[in-house]
Amino acid sequence: MYDPTIDVRDKMTKEEYRHGKSSAIHHFYEKLLKLRGLMNTKTGKQLADERHEQLEQFLKTFFQEWDVKF
């Protein structure tokens, strides 16, 4: 799900995207958080803003829990 030793890939080819080393959490940064900027309609932008906030909240919670020591 997450490997902190892997760098987030900012720009990549289709081949790199499909077959490069990544994780589910990296996918948020490599694609999902970029979708908001690709919307064209008012409704699409509004929905994307709401979903973007949900993604950011998920990441915030994930990283808080990631650092928990048992």
PDB file of N, CA and C in Angstrom:
ATOM      1  N   MET A   1       0.818  -1.189   0.000  1.00  0.00           N
ATOM      2  CA  MET A   1       0.000   0.000   0.000  1.00  0.00           C
ATOM      3  C   MET A   1       0.865   1.258   0.000  1.00  0.00           C
ATOM      4  N   TYR A   2       1.977   1.234   0.735  1.00  0.00           N
ATOM      5  CA  TYR A   2       2.845   2.409   0.789  1.00  0.00           C
ATOM      6  C   TYR A   2       4.268   1.972   1.093  1.00  0.00           C
ATOM      7  N   ASP A   3       5.196   2.555   0.370  1.00  0.00           N
ATOM      8  CA  ASP A   3       6.619   2.308   0.591  1.00  0.00           C
ATOM      9  C   ASP A   3       7.305   3.671   0.605  1.00  0.00           C
ATOM     10  N   PRO A   4       7.697   4.164   1.781  1.00  0.00           N
ATOM     11  CA  PRO A   4       8.281   5.501   1.860  1.00  0.00           C
ATOM     12  C   PRO A   4       9.634   5.637   1.171  1.00  0.00           C
ATOM     13  N   THR A   5      10.231   4.540   0.756  1.00  0.00           N
ATOM     14  CA  THR A   5      11.524   4.622   0.063  1.00  0.00           C
ATOM     15  C   THR A   5      11.366   4.921  -1.419  1.00  0.00           C
ATOM     16  N   ILE A   6      10.133   4.862  -1.918  1.00  0.00           N
ATOM     17  CA  ILE A   6       9.862   5.140  -3.332  1.00  0.00           C
ATOM     18  C   ILE A   6       9.521   6.621  -3.487  1.00  0.00           C
ATOM     19  N   ASP A   7      10.137   7.277  -4.446  1.00  0.00           N
ATOM     20  CA  ASP A   7       9.830   8.676  -4.743  1.00  0.00           C
ATOM     21  C   ASP A   7       8.551   8.780  -5.566  1.00  0.00           C
ATOM     22  N   VAL A   8       7.802   9.850  -5.347  1.00  0.00           N
ATOM     23  CA  VAL A   8       6.630  10.129  -6.175  1.00  0.00           C
ATOM     24  C   VAL A   8       7.120  10.499  -7.568  1.00  0.00           C
ATOM     25  N   ARG A   9       6.515   9.882  -8.569  1.00  0.00           N
ATOM     26  CA  ARG A   9       6.895  10.142  -9.962  1.00  0.00           C
ATOM     27  C   ARG A   9       6.022  11.278 -10.486  1.00  0.00           C
ATOM     28  N   ASP A  10       6.632  12.403 -10.799  1.00  0.00           N
ATOM     29  CA  ASP A  10       5.874  13.564 -11.247  1.00  0.00           C
ATOM     30  C   ASP A  10       5.528  13.479 -12.727  1.00  0.00           C
ATOM     31  N   LYS A  11       6.519  13.230 -13.553  1.00  0.00           N
ATOM     32  CA  LYS A  11       6.287  13.108 -14.992  1.00  0.00           C
ATOM     33  C   LYS A  11       6.832  11.764 -15.434  1.00  0.00           C
ATOM     34  N   MET A  12       6.030  11.066 -16.220  1.00  0.00           N
ATOM     35  CA  MET A  12       6.449   9.739 -16.658  1.00  0.00           C
ATOM     36  C   MET A  12       5.778   9.374 -17.970  1.00  0.00           C
ATOM     37  N   THR A  13       6.368   8.435 -18.651  1.00  0.00           N
ATOM     38  CA  THR A  13       5.767   7.916 -19.873  1.00  0.00           C
ATOM     39  C   THR A  13       4.647   6.953 -19.494  1.00  0.00           C
ATOM     40  N   LYS A  14       3.844   6.579 -20.481  1.00  0.00           N
ATOM     41  CA  LYS A  14       2.786   5.600 -20.241  1.00  0.00           C
ATOM     42  C   LYS A  14       3.390   4.291 -19.739  1.00  0.00           C
ATOM     43  N   GLU A  15       4.507   3.894 -20.311  1.00  0.00           N
ATOM     44  CA  GLU A  15       5.189   2.668 -19.893  1.00  0.00           C
ATOM     45  C   GLU A  15       5.644   2.764 -18.438  1.00  0.00           C
ATOM     46  N   GLU A  16       6.230   3.893 -18.067  1.00  0.00           N
ATOM     47  CA  GLU A  16       6.663   4.091 -16.682  1.00  0.00           C
ATOM     48  C   GLU A  16       5.467   4.085 -15.725  1.00  0.00           C
ATOM     49  N   TYR A  17       4.379   4.710 -16.142  1.00  0.00           N
ATOM     50  CA  TYR A  17       3.173   4.756 -15.321  1.00  0.00           C
ATOM     51  C   TYR A  17       2.626   3.350 -15.086  1.00  0.00           C
ATOM     52  N   ARG A  18       2.587   2.577 -16.145  1.00  0.00           N
ATOM     53  CA  ARG A  18       2.016   1.226 -16.055  1.00  0.00           C
ATOM     54  C   ARG A  18       2.905   0.234 -15.322  1.00  0.00           C
ATOM     55  N   HIS A  19       4.220   0.346 -15.502  1.00  0.00           N
ATOM     56  CA  HIS A  19       5.108  -0.711 -15.024  1.00  0.00           C
ATOM     57  C   HIS A  19       6.160  -0.263 -14.017  1.00  0.00           C
ATOM     58  N   GLY A  20       6.226   1.017 -13.719  1.00  0.00           N
ATOM     59  CA  GLY A  20       7.220   1.510 -12.769  1.00  0.00           C
ATOM     60  C   GLY A  20       6.841   1.180 -11.338  1.00  0.00           C
ATOM     61  N   LYS A  21       7.808   1.280 -10.456  1.00  0.00           N
ATOM     62  CA  LYS A  21       7.591   0.976  -9.051  1.00  0.00           C
ATOM     63  C   LYS A  21       6.808   2.114  -8.408  1.00  0.00           C
ATOM     64  N   SER A  22       5.720   1.765  -7.737  1.00  0.00           N
ATOM     65  CA  SER A  22       4.852   2.742  -7.110  1.00  0.00           C
ATOM     66  C   SER A  22       4.057   2.050  -6.012  1.00  0.00           C
ATOM     67  N   SER A  23       3.096   2.776  -5.437  1.00  0.00           N
ATOM     68  CA  SER A  23       2.221   2.200  -4.411  1.00  0.00           C
ATOM     69  C   SER A  23       0.847   2.856  -4.522  1.00  0.00           C
ATOM     70  N   ALA A  24      -0.106   2.344  -3.769  1.00  0.00           N
ATOM     71  CA  ALA A  24      -1.448   2.923  -3.788  1.00  0.00           C
ATOM     72  C   ALA A  24      -1.424   4.374  -3.318  1.00  0.00           C
ATOM     73  N   ILE A  25      -0.656   4.660  -2.286  1.00  0.00           N
ATOM     74  CA  ILE A  25      -0.571   6.034  -1.782  1.00  0.00           C
ATOM     75  C   ILE A  25       0.119   6.929  -2.801  1.00  0.00           C
ATOM     76  N   HIS A  26       1.139   6.434  -3.453  1.00  0.00           N
ATOM     77  CA  HIS A  26       1.799   7.224  -4.500  1.00  0.00           C
ATOM     78  C   HIS A  26       0.823   7.577  -5.626  1.00  0.00           C
ATOM     79  N   HIS A  27      -0.110   6.679  -5.908  1.00  0.00           N
ATOM     80  CA  HIS A  27      -1.095   6.909  -6.970  1.00  0.00           C
ATOM     81  C   HIS A  27      -1.928   8.165  -6.687  1.00  0.00           C
ATOM     82  N   PHE A  28      -2.166   8.456  -5.421  1.00  0.00           N
ATOM     83  CA  PHE A  28      -2.884   9.688  -5.077  1.00  0.00           C
ATOM     84  C   PHE A  28      -2.141  10.890  -5.655  1.00  0.00           C
ATOM     85  N   TYR A  29      -0.825  10.911  -5.469  1.00  0.00           N
ATOM     86  CA  TYR A  29      -0.010  12.058  -5.900  1.00  0.00           C
ATOM     87  C   TYR A  29       0.271  12.027  -7.401  1.00  0.00           C
ATOM     88  N   GLU A  30       0.408  10.844  -7.953  1.00  0.00           N
ATOM     89  CA  GLU A  30       0.761  10.709  -9.363  1.00  0.00           C
ATOM     90  C   GLU A  30      -0.429  10.912 -10.291  1.00  0.00           C
ATOM     91  N   LYS A  31      -1.651  10.718  -9.792  1.00  0.00           N
ATOM     92  CA  LYS A  31      -2.815  10.874 -10.659  1.00  0.00           C
ATOM     93  C   LYS A  31      -4.022  11.503  -9.970  1.00  0.00           C
ATOM     94  N   LEU A  32      -4.490  10.895  -8.886  1.00  0.00           N
ATOM     95  CA  LEU A  32      -5.781  11.281  -8.323  1.00  0.00           C
ATOM     96  C   LEU A  32      -5.864  12.746  -7.905  1.00  0.00           C
ATOM     97  N   LEU A  33      -4.828  13.275  -7.267  1.00  0.00           N
ATOM     98  CA  LEU A  33      -4.863  14.671  -6.827  1.00  0.00           C
ATOM     99  C   LEU A  33      -4.728  15.659  -7.984  1.00  0.00           C
ATOM    100  N   LYS A  34      -4.407  15.171  -9.151  1.00  0.00           N
ATOM    101  CA  LYS A  34      -4.289  16.035 -10.335  1.00  0.00           C
ATOM    102  C   LYS A  34      -5.604  16.155 -11.108  1.00  0.00           C
ATOM    103  N   LEU A  35      -6.554  15.281 -10.830  1.00  0.00           N
ATOM    104  CA  LEU A  35      -7.799  15.249 -11.597  1.00  0.00           C
ATOM    105  C   LEU A  35      -8.625  16.522 -11.442  1.00  0.00           C
ATOM    106  N   ARG A  36      -8.590  17.137 -10.283  1.00  0.00           N
ATOM    107  CA  ARG A  36      -9.383  18.347 -10.037  1.00  0.00           C
ATOM    108  C   ARG A  36      -9.082  19.420 -11.086  1.00  0.00           C
ATOM    109  N   GLY A  37      -7.843  19.549 -11.461  1.00  0.00           N
ATOM    110  CA  GLY A  37      -7.455  20.570 -12.432  1.00  0.00           C
ATOM    111  C   GLY A  37      -7.839  20.255 -13.865  1.00  0.00           C
ATOM    112  N   LEU A  38      -8.365  19.076 -14.104  1.00  0.00           N
ATOM    113  CA  LEU A  38      -8.724  18.670 -15.467  1.00  0.00           C
ATOM    114  C   LEU A  38     -10.218  18.816 -15.772  1.00  0.00           C
ATOM    115  N   MET A  39     -11.001  19.249 -14.787  1.00  0.00           N
ATOM    116  CA  MET A  39     -12.444  19.358 -14.987  1.00  0.00           C
ATOM    117  C   MET A  39     -12.774  20.612 -15.792  1.00  0.00           C
ATOM    118  N   ASN A  40     -13.809  20.532 -16.623  1.00  0.00           N
ATOM    119  CA  ASN A  40     -14.161  21.633 -17.523  1.00  0.00           C
ATOM    120  C   ASN A  40     -15.482  22.312 -17.188  1.00  0.00           C
ATOM    121  N   THR A  41     -16.421  21.590 -16.603  1.00  0.00           N
ATOM    122  CA  THR A  41     -17.725  22.183 -16.329  1.00  0.00           C
ATOM    123  C   THR A  41     -17.803  22.660 -14.883  1.00  0.00           C
ATOM    124  N   LYS A  42     -18.739  23.535 -14.606  1.00  0.00           N
ATOM    125  CA  LYS A  42     -18.928  24.049 -13.248  1.00  0.00           C
ATOM    126  C   LYS A  42     -19.246  22.902 -12.292  1.00  0.00           C
ATOM    127  N   THR A  43     -20.140  22.024 -12.705  1.00  0.00           N
ATOM    128  CA  THR A  43     -20.505  20.883 -11.861  1.00  0.00           C
ATOM    129  C   THR A  43     -19.321  19.955 -11.659  1.00  0.00           C
ATOM    130  N   GLY A  44     -18.591  19.682 -12.715  1.00  0.00           N
ATOM    131  CA  GLY A  44     -17.413  18.826 -12.614  1.00  0.00           C
ATOM    132  C   GLY A  44     -16.381  19.399 -11.667  1.00  0.00           C
ATOM    133  N   LYS A  45     -16.168  20.700 -11.741  1.00  0.00           N
ATOM    134  CA  LYS A  45     -15.207  21.368 -10.854  1.00  0.00           C
ATOM    135  C   LYS A  45     -15.671  21.304  -9.397  1.00  0.00           C
ATOM    136  N   GLN A  46     -16.972  21.487  -9.192  1.00  0.00           N
ATOM    137  CA  GLN A  46     -17.511  21.443  -7.833  1.00  0.00           C
ATOM    138  C   GLN A  46     -17.351  20.041  -7.237  1.00  0.00           C
ATOM    139  N   LEU A  47     -17.725  19.029  -7.988  1.00  0.00           N
ATOM    140  CA  LEU A  47     -17.573  17.653  -7.512  1.00  0.00           C
ATOM    141  C   LEU A  47     -16.107  17.307  -7.277  1.00  0.00           C
ATOM    142  N   ALA A  48     -15.262  17.750  -8.184  1.00  0.00           N
ATOM    143  CA  ALA A  48     -13.835  17.470  -8.052  1.00  0.00           C
ATOM    144  C   ALA A  48     -13.254  18.147  -6.811  1.00  0.00           C
ATOM    145  N   ASP A  49     -13.700  19.363  -6.501  1.00  0.00           N
ATOM    146  CA  ASP A  49     -13.233  20.040  -5.289  1.00  0.00           C
ATOM    147  C   ASP A  49     -13.600  19.234  -4.048  1.00  0.00           C
ATOM    148  N   GLU A  50     -14.841  18.748  -4.006  1.00  0.00           N
ATOM    149  CA  GLU A  50     -15.298  17.956  -2.861  1.00  0.00           C
ATOM    150  C   GLU A  50     -14.494  16.662  -2.730  1.00  0.00           C
ATOM    151  N   ARG A  51     -14.303  15.986  -3.826  1.00  0.00           N
ATOM    152  CA  ARG A  51     -13.575  14.714  -3.793  1.00  0.00           C
ATOM    153  C   ARG A  51     -12.090  14.924  -3.485  1.00  0.00           C
ATOM    154  N   HIS A  52     -11.544  16.022  -3.974  1.00  0.00           N
ATOM    155  CA  HIS A  52     -10.148  16.350  -3.693  1.00  0.00           C
ATOM    156  C   HIS A  52      -9.952  16.512  -2.179  1.00  0.00           C
ATOM    157  N   GLU A  53     -10.888  17.192  -1.537  1.00  0.00           N
ATOM    158  CA  GLU A  53     -10.820  17.367  -0.085  1.00  0.00           C
ATOM    159  C   GLU A  53     -10.881  16.015   0.626  1.00  0.00           C
ATOM    160  N   GLN A  54     -11.711  15.107   0.133  1.00  0.00           N
ATOM    161  CA  GLN A  54     -11.805  13.766   0.724  1.00  0.00           C
ATOM    162  C   GLN A  54     -10.488  13.015   0.576  1.00  0.00           C
ATOM    163  N   LEU A  55      -9.868  13.141  -0.578  1.00  0.00           N
ATOM    164  CA  LEU A  55      -8.574  12.490  -0.798  1.00  0.00           C
ATOM    165  C   LEU A  55      -7.519  13.044   0.158  1.00  0.00           C
ATOM    166  N   GLU A  56      -7.488  14.368   0.293  1.00  0.00           N
ATOM    167  CA  GLU A  56      -6.515  14.979   1.192  1.00  0.00           C
ATOM    168  C   GLU A  56      -6.750  14.567   2.642  1.00  0.00           C
ATOM    169  N   GLN A  57      -8.017  14.468   3.042  1.00  0.00           N
ATOM    170  CA  GLN A  57      -8.326  14.033   4.414  1.00  0.00           C
ATOM    171  C   GLN A  57      -7.894  12.585   4.627  1.00  0.00           C
ATOM    172  N   PHE A  58      -8.131  11.738   3.643  1.00  0.00           N
ATOM    173  CA  PHE A  58      -7.686  10.348   3.740  1.00  0.00           C
ATOM    174  C   PHE A  58      -6.171  10.283   3.924  1.00  0.00           C
ATOM    175  N   LEU A  59      -5.438  11.040   3.113  1.00  0.00           N
ATOM    176  CA  LEU A  59      -3.977  11.034   3.214  1.00  0.00           C
ATOM    177  C   LEU A  59      -3.510  11.558   4.569  1.00  0.00           C
ATOM    178  N   LYS A  60      -4.143  12.611   5.056  1.00  0.00           N
ATOM    179  CA  LYS A  60      -3.779  13.153   6.363  1.00  0.00           C
ATOM    180  C   LYS A  60      -3.946  12.083   7.440  1.00  0.00           C
ATOM    181  N   THR A  61      -5.087  11.415   7.439  1.00  0.00           N
ATOM    182  CA  THR A  61      -5.346  10.362   8.421  1.00  0.00           C
ATOM    183  C   THR A  61      -4.388   9.196   8.246  1.00  0.00           C
ATOM    184  N   PHE A  62      -4.155   8.800   7.007  1.00  0.00           N
ATOM    185  CA  PHE A  62      -3.237   7.693   6.741  1.00  0.00           C
ATOM    186  C   PHE A  62      -1.859   7.977   7.318  1.00  0.00           C
ATOM    187  N   PHE A  63      -1.313   9.163   7.039  1.00  0.00           N
ATOM    188  CA  PHE A  63       0.036   9.480   7.508  1.00  0.00           C
ATOM    189  C   PHE A  63       0.092   9.660   9.021  1.00  0.00           C
ATOM    190  N   GLN A  64      -0.991  10.113   9.631  1.00  0.00           N
ATOM    191  CA  GLN A  64      -1.029  10.170  11.094  1.00  0.00           C
ATOM    192  C   GLN A  64      -0.950   8.764  11.674  1.00  0.00           C
ATOM    193  N   GLU A  65      -1.690   7.842  11.084  1.00  0.00           N
ATOM    194  CA  GLU A  65      -1.691   6.458  11.566  1.00  0.00           C
ATOM    195  C   GLU A  65      -0.386   5.740  11.189  1.00  0.00           C
ATOM    196  N   TRP A  66       0.211   6.120  10.095  1.00  0.00           N
ATOM    197  CA  TRP A  66       1.460   5.494   9.657  1.00  0.00           C
ATOM    198  C   TRP A  66       2.560   5.691  10.701  1.00  0.00           C
ATOM    199  N   ASP A  67       2.558   6.829  11.349  1.00  0.00           N
ATOM    200  CA  ASP A  67       3.601   7.167  12.326  1.00  0.00           C
ATOM    201  C   ASP A  67       3.330   6.636  13.730  1.00  0.00           C
ATOM    202  N   VAL A  68       2.197   5.977  13.928  1.00  0.00           N
ATOM    203  CA  VAL A  68       1.870   5.460  15.260  1.00  0.00           C
ATOM    204  C   VAL A  68       2.837   4.343  15.633  1.00  0.00           C
ATOM    205  N   LYS A  69       3.350   4.416  16.846  1.00  0.00           N
ATOM    206  CA  LYS A  69       4.256   3.396  17.354  1.00  0.00           C
ATOM    207  C   LYS A  69       3.497   2.547  18.387  1.00  0.00           C
ATOM    208  N   PHE A  70       3.566   1.244  18.248  1.00  0.00           N
ATOM    209  CA  PHE A  70       2.901   0.341  19.191  1.00  0.00           C
ATOM    210  C   PHE A  70       3.899  -0.240  20.161  1.00  0.00           C
TER     211      PHE A  70
END
